[in-house]
Amino acid sequence: MAIKIWHNNRCSKSREALKLLEDQGKEIEIYNYLQESPSVDDIKDVLNKLGIKAKDLMRTKETIFKELGLENIQDEQTLIKAMVDNPKLIERPIIITDTKTIIGRPPSLVLDL
């Protein structure tokens, strides 16, 4: 299975993680999640694989996070729907292998895959 990376080319950390994977000669599938928003099921799957709550996958410092009033929301479905509707809220990069899923921050974490 190729390594799948939820990638944002405008993000330096995402670009760095991708380069590290490429430098290792890994087979990579790039998912530009900002162009094609993930589904509710996609996000639930990533959350399950990471073993985290929805808010832990969110970029809480993004302006849109505050504009949507998500600071005090704890309902998982509401937070997941916010990420589907506003994929900019999703922390990146997310790297998925057949055995492990990580958030690539710092990007050097991909070296352990």
Protein backbone atom coordinates (compact mmCIF):
# COMPACT_ATOMS: atom_id res chain seq x y z
CA MET A 1 0.00 0.00 0.00
CA ALA A 2 1.21 3.47 -0.84
CA ILE A 3 1.58 5.97 1.95
CA LYS A 4 -1.31 8.41 1.77
CA ILE A 5 -0.68 12.00 2.78
CA TRP A 6 -3.43 14.54 3.38
CA HIS A 7 -1.47 17.39 1.90
CA ASN A 8 -1.70 21.17 1.70
CA ASN A 9 0.97 22.48 -0.66
CA ARG A 10 0.78 25.93 0.96
CA CYS A 11 1.86 24.48 4.32
CA SER A 12 5.62 24.29 4.91
CA LYS A 13 5.27 21.38 7.35
CA SER A 14 3.21 19.42 4.83
CA ARG A 15 5.73 20.11 2.05
CA GLU A 16 8.59 19.10 4.33
CA ALA A 17 6.89 15.83 5.32
CA LEU A 18 6.19 15.03 1.66
CA LYS A 19 9.82 15.70 0.72
CA LEU A 20 11.08 13.44 3.51
CA LEU A 21 8.83 10.63 2.25
CA GLU A 22 9.94 11.20 -1.34
CA ASP A 23 13.60 11.22 -0.29
CA GLN A 24 13.05 7.79 1.30
CA GLY A 25 11.74 6.49 -2.03
CA LYS A 26 8.31 5.76 -0.58
CA GLU A 27 5.31 5.18 -2.84
CA ILE A 28 3.05 8.13 -2.06
CA GLU A 29 -0.58 8.95 -2.77
CA ILE A 30 -1.21 12.67 -2.34
CA TYR A 31 -4.69 13.67 -1.20
CA ASN A 32 -5.28 17.40 -1.66
CA TYR A 33 -7.98 17.62 0.98
CA LEU A 34 -8.53 21.35 0.44
CA GLN A 35 -9.55 20.71 -3.19
CA GLU A 36 -11.68 17.65 -2.46
CA SER A 37 -13.08 17.83 1.04
CA PRO A 38 -13.02 14.58 3.02
CA SER A 39 -16.30 12.93 3.93
CA VAL A 40 -17.62 12.48 7.45
CA ASP A 41 -16.58 8.83 7.21
CA ASP A 42 -13.06 9.77 6.05
CA ILE A 43 -12.60 12.00 9.08
CA LYS A 44 -14.10 9.44 11.47
CA ASP A 45 -11.71 6.83 10.04
CA VAL A 46 -8.68 9.09 10.60
CA LEU A 47 -9.83 9.96 14.13
CA ASN A 48 -10.27 6.26 14.91
CA LYS A 49 -6.83 5.38 13.51
CA LEU A 50 -5.21 8.23 15.46
CA GLY A 51 -7.20 7.45 18.61
CA ILE A 52 -8.06 11.11 19.17
CA LYS A 53 -11.11 13.35 19.50
CA ALA A 54 -12.28 15.63 16.68
CA LYS A 55 -11.03 18.80 18.36
CA ASP A 56 -7.53 17.28 18.56
CA LEU A 57 -7.49 17.13 14.74
CA MET A 58 -8.52 20.76 14.37
CA ARG A 59 -6.46 23.87 13.75
CA THR A 60 -7.95 25.79 16.67
CA LYS A 61 -5.97 28.96 15.90
CA GLU A 62 -7.56 29.38 12.47
CA THR A 63 -9.82 32.43 12.22
CA ILE A 64 -12.67 30.27 10.88
CA PHE A 65 -12.55 28.16 14.08
CA LYS A 66 -13.38 31.22 16.15
CA GLU A 67 -15.82 32.64 13.58
CA LEU A 68 -17.83 29.41 13.73
CA GLY A 69 -17.88 29.57 17.54
CA LEU A 70 -16.29 26.14 17.93
CA GLU A 71 -14.23 26.94 21.04
CA ASN A 72 -16.80 25.53 23.48
CA ILE A 73 -18.33 22.86 21.24
CA GLN A 74 -17.65 19.31 22.42
CA ASP A 75 -20.11 17.41 20.21
CA GLU A 76 -18.03 15.19 17.91
CA GLN A 77 -20.57 15.23 15.07
CA THR A 78 -20.69 19.04 15.03
CA LEU A 79 -16.90 19.30 14.98
CA ILE A 80 -16.54 16.65 12.26
CA LYS A 81 -19.16 18.40 10.12
CA ALA A 82 -17.28 21.69 10.58
CA MET A 83 -14.12 20.01 9.22
CA VAL A 84 -16.01 18.56 6.24
CA ASP A 85 -17.49 21.98 5.45
CA ASN A 86 -14.22 23.84 6.19
CA PRO A 87 -11.29 21.50 5.49
CA LYS A 88 -8.87 24.32 6.32
CA LEU A 89 -9.67 23.41 9.95
CA ILE A 90 -7.98 20.00 9.59
CA GLU A 91 -4.49 19.72 11.04
CA ARG A 92 -1.91 18.68 8.48
CA PRO A 93 -0.20 16.75 7.21
CA ILE A 94 -1.91 13.47 8.02
CA ILE A 95 0.07 10.43 6.92
CA ILE A 96 -1.66 7.07 6.61
CA THR A 97 0.03 3.70 6.08
CA ASP A 98 -1.49 0.24 6.26
CA THR A 99 -0.29 -0.09 9.87
CA LYS A 100 0.01 3.43 11.26
CA THR A 101 -1.53 6.91 11.01
CA ILE A 102 0.15 10.07 12.27
CA ILE A 103 -0.11 13.83 12.16
CA GLY A 104 3.26 14.84 10.72
CA ARG A 105 4.18 17.52 13.22
CA PRO A 106 7.06 17.76 13.38
CA PRO A 107 7.60 16.47 9.84
CA SER A 108 10.49 14.27 11.01
CA LEU A 109 7.88 11.90 12.50
CA VAL A 110 7.43 10.47 9.00
CA LEU A 111 10.93 8.98 9.20
CA ASP A 112 9.58 6.38 11.65
CA LEU A 113 7.01 5.03 9.18
